[in-house]
Protein backbone atom coordinates (compact mmCIF):
# COMPACT_ATOMS: atom_id res chain seq x y z
CA MET A 1 18.59 23.68 38.19
CA ALA A 2 19.35 22.73 34.57
CA SER A 3 17.72 19.30 34.92
CA SER A 4 14.57 20.99 36.21
CA ASN A 5 14.34 23.03 33.02
CA TRP A 6 14.77 19.91 30.88
CA ILE A 7 11.99 18.13 32.77
CA LYS A 8 9.69 21.12 32.25
CA PHE A 9 10.61 21.20 28.57
CA PHE A 10 9.78 17.51 28.03
CA ILE A 11 6.53 17.78 30.00
CA ALA A 12 5.49 20.80 27.88
CA LEU A 13 6.48 18.91 24.72
CA ALA A 14 4.45 15.85 25.73
CA ILE A 15 1.41 17.99 26.57
CA GLY A 16 1.72 19.81 23.24
CA ILE A 17 1.92 16.57 21.27
CA ALA A 18 -1.03 15.09 23.17
CA LEU A 19 -3.15 18.18 22.57
CA GLY A 20 -2.19 18.27 18.88
CA VAL A 21 -3.06 14.62 18.33
CA THR A 22 -6.32 14.99 20.24
CA TYR A 23 -7.29 18.04 18.20
CA GLY A 24 -6.33 16.47 14.87
CA TRP A 25 -7.82 13.02 15.42
CA VAL A 26 -10.78 13.62 17.75
CA ILE A 27 -11.99 17.21 17.58
CA THR A 28 -11.55 18.00 13.87
CA PRO A 29 -10.40 14.92 11.92
CA VAL A 30 -10.00 15.09 8.14
CA GLN A 31 -13.15 13.98 6.36
CA TYR A 32 -12.96 13.18 2.69
CA THR A 33 -16.22 13.80 0.88
CA ASP A 34 -16.87 13.33 -2.80
CA ALA A 35 -13.29 12.24 -3.41
CA PRO A 36 -12.84 11.14 -7.01
CA PRO A 37 -11.99 7.47 -7.58
CA ASN A 38 -9.02 8.38 -9.77
CA ILE A 39 -6.97 9.23 -6.65
CA LEU A 40 -7.12 5.66 -5.37
CA ARG A 41 -3.91 3.75 -4.76
CA GLU A 42 -3.06 1.11 -7.35
CA ASP A 43 -4.17 -1.80 -5.15
CA TYR A 44 -7.59 -0.23 -4.58
CA ARG A 45 -7.89 0.61 -8.27
CA THR A 46 -7.18 -3.03 -9.07
CA ASP A 47 -9.79 -4.17 -6.57
CA TYR A 48 -12.31 -1.77 -8.12
CA VAL A 49 -11.58 -3.13 -11.61
CA LEU A 50 -11.86 -6.66 -10.23
CA MET A 51 -15.29 -5.86 -8.77
CA THR A 52 -16.28 -4.47 -12.17
CA ALA A 53 -15.02 -7.69 -13.76
CA GLU A 54 -17.19 -9.73 -11.39
CA ILE A 55 -20.23 -7.65 -12.33
CA TYR A 56 -19.34 -7.96 -16.01
CA ASN A 57 -19.07 -11.74 -15.61
CA SER A 58 -22.66 -11.93 -14.39
CA GLU A 59 -24.23 -9.22 -16.61
CA GLN A 60 -22.11 -9.42 -19.79
CA ASP A 61 -22.71 -5.69 -20.37
CA ALA A 62 -19.53 -4.18 -21.78
CA GLU A 63 -20.96 -0.66 -21.95
CA SER A 64 -21.75 -0.56 -18.22
CA ALA A 65 -18.35 -2.05 -17.40
CA ALA A 66 -16.61 0.56 -19.56
CA ARG A 67 -18.50 3.37 -17.80
CA ARG A 68 -17.57 1.98 -14.40
CA ILE A 69 -13.90 1.73 -15.34
CA ALA A 70 -13.79 5.12 -17.08
CA ILE A 71 -14.19 6.98 -13.78
CA LEU A 72 -10.74 5.74 -12.73
CA GLY A 73 -8.85 8.04 -15.06
CA SER A 74 -8.35 9.53 -18.48
CA GLU A 75 -6.90 6.37 -20.05
CA SER A 76 -9.10 4.04 -22.01
CA PRO A 77 -10.96 1.32 -20.08
CA ALA A 78 -8.77 -1.26 -21.83
CA GLN A 79 -5.57 0.43 -20.58
CA ILE A 80 -6.92 0.71 -17.04
CA THR A 81 -7.95 -2.94 -17.09
CA ALA A 82 -4.56 -3.99 -18.51
CA SER A 83 -2.70 -2.20 -15.73
CA ALA A 84 -5.02 -3.78 -13.15
CA LEU A 85 -4.35 -7.21 -14.67
CA GLN A 86 -0.61 -6.58 -14.57
CA TYR A 87 -0.80 -5.52 -10.91
CA ALA A 88 -2.97 -8.53 -10.01
CA THR A 89 -0.59 -10.94 -11.75
CA SER A 90 2.48 -9.55 -10.04
CA ASN A 91 0.88 -9.39 -6.59
CA GLY A 92 -0.49 -12.89 -6.18
CA TYR A 93 -4.19 -12.52 -6.94
CA SER A 94 -6.00 -15.85 -7.36
CA GLU A 95 -6.29 -17.53 -10.74
CA ASP A 96 -10.07 -16.97 -10.68
CA ASP A 97 -9.55 -13.24 -10.20
CA ILE A 98 -6.96 -13.09 -12.97
CA SER A 99 -9.29 -15.00 -15.26
CA LEU A 100 -12.08 -12.51 -14.57
CA LEU A 101 -9.73 -9.62 -15.31
CA LYS A 102 -8.59 -11.27 -18.55
CA ASP A 103 -12.20 -11.70 -19.67
CA LEU A 104 -12.92 -8.06 -18.87
CA LEU A 105 -9.77 -6.95 -20.69
CA ASN A 106 -10.83 -8.91 -23.77
CA ALA A 107 -14.25 -7.24 -23.62
CA MET A 108 -12.73 -3.78 -23.19
CA GLN A 109 -10.33 -4.31 -26.11
CA THR A 110 -13.19 -5.25 -28.42
CA TYR A 111 -15.72 -2.78 -27.00
CA GLN A 112 -16.97 -0.06 -29.34
CA PRO A 113 -18.89 2.80 -27.68
CA GLN A 114 -22.38 3.48 -28.99
CA GLY A 115 -23.16 6.73 -30.77
């Protein structure tokens, strides 16, 4: 009799878990909309700064690059770029990527906002 109750318990538990997962992942999954970029993980922040560095490399527009980087947080664009460069260096990014980040960092350190 006791083993019958345990079997019923585990069947009910399995059904409950299956229904919970189905409800949470299929029926009403979490949808992030208008999430601010400053909540990105450090690796994604570094990738974002790297993409900005690639754009800066082709356009040579420090003001646009600074605006793009500024949405990542309250620090200065130079500080954000420096932390991205540090992360890229310690996590095996290619030399080309590190060079792009260094060029962007140099531009952000010498950049003076207009007006």
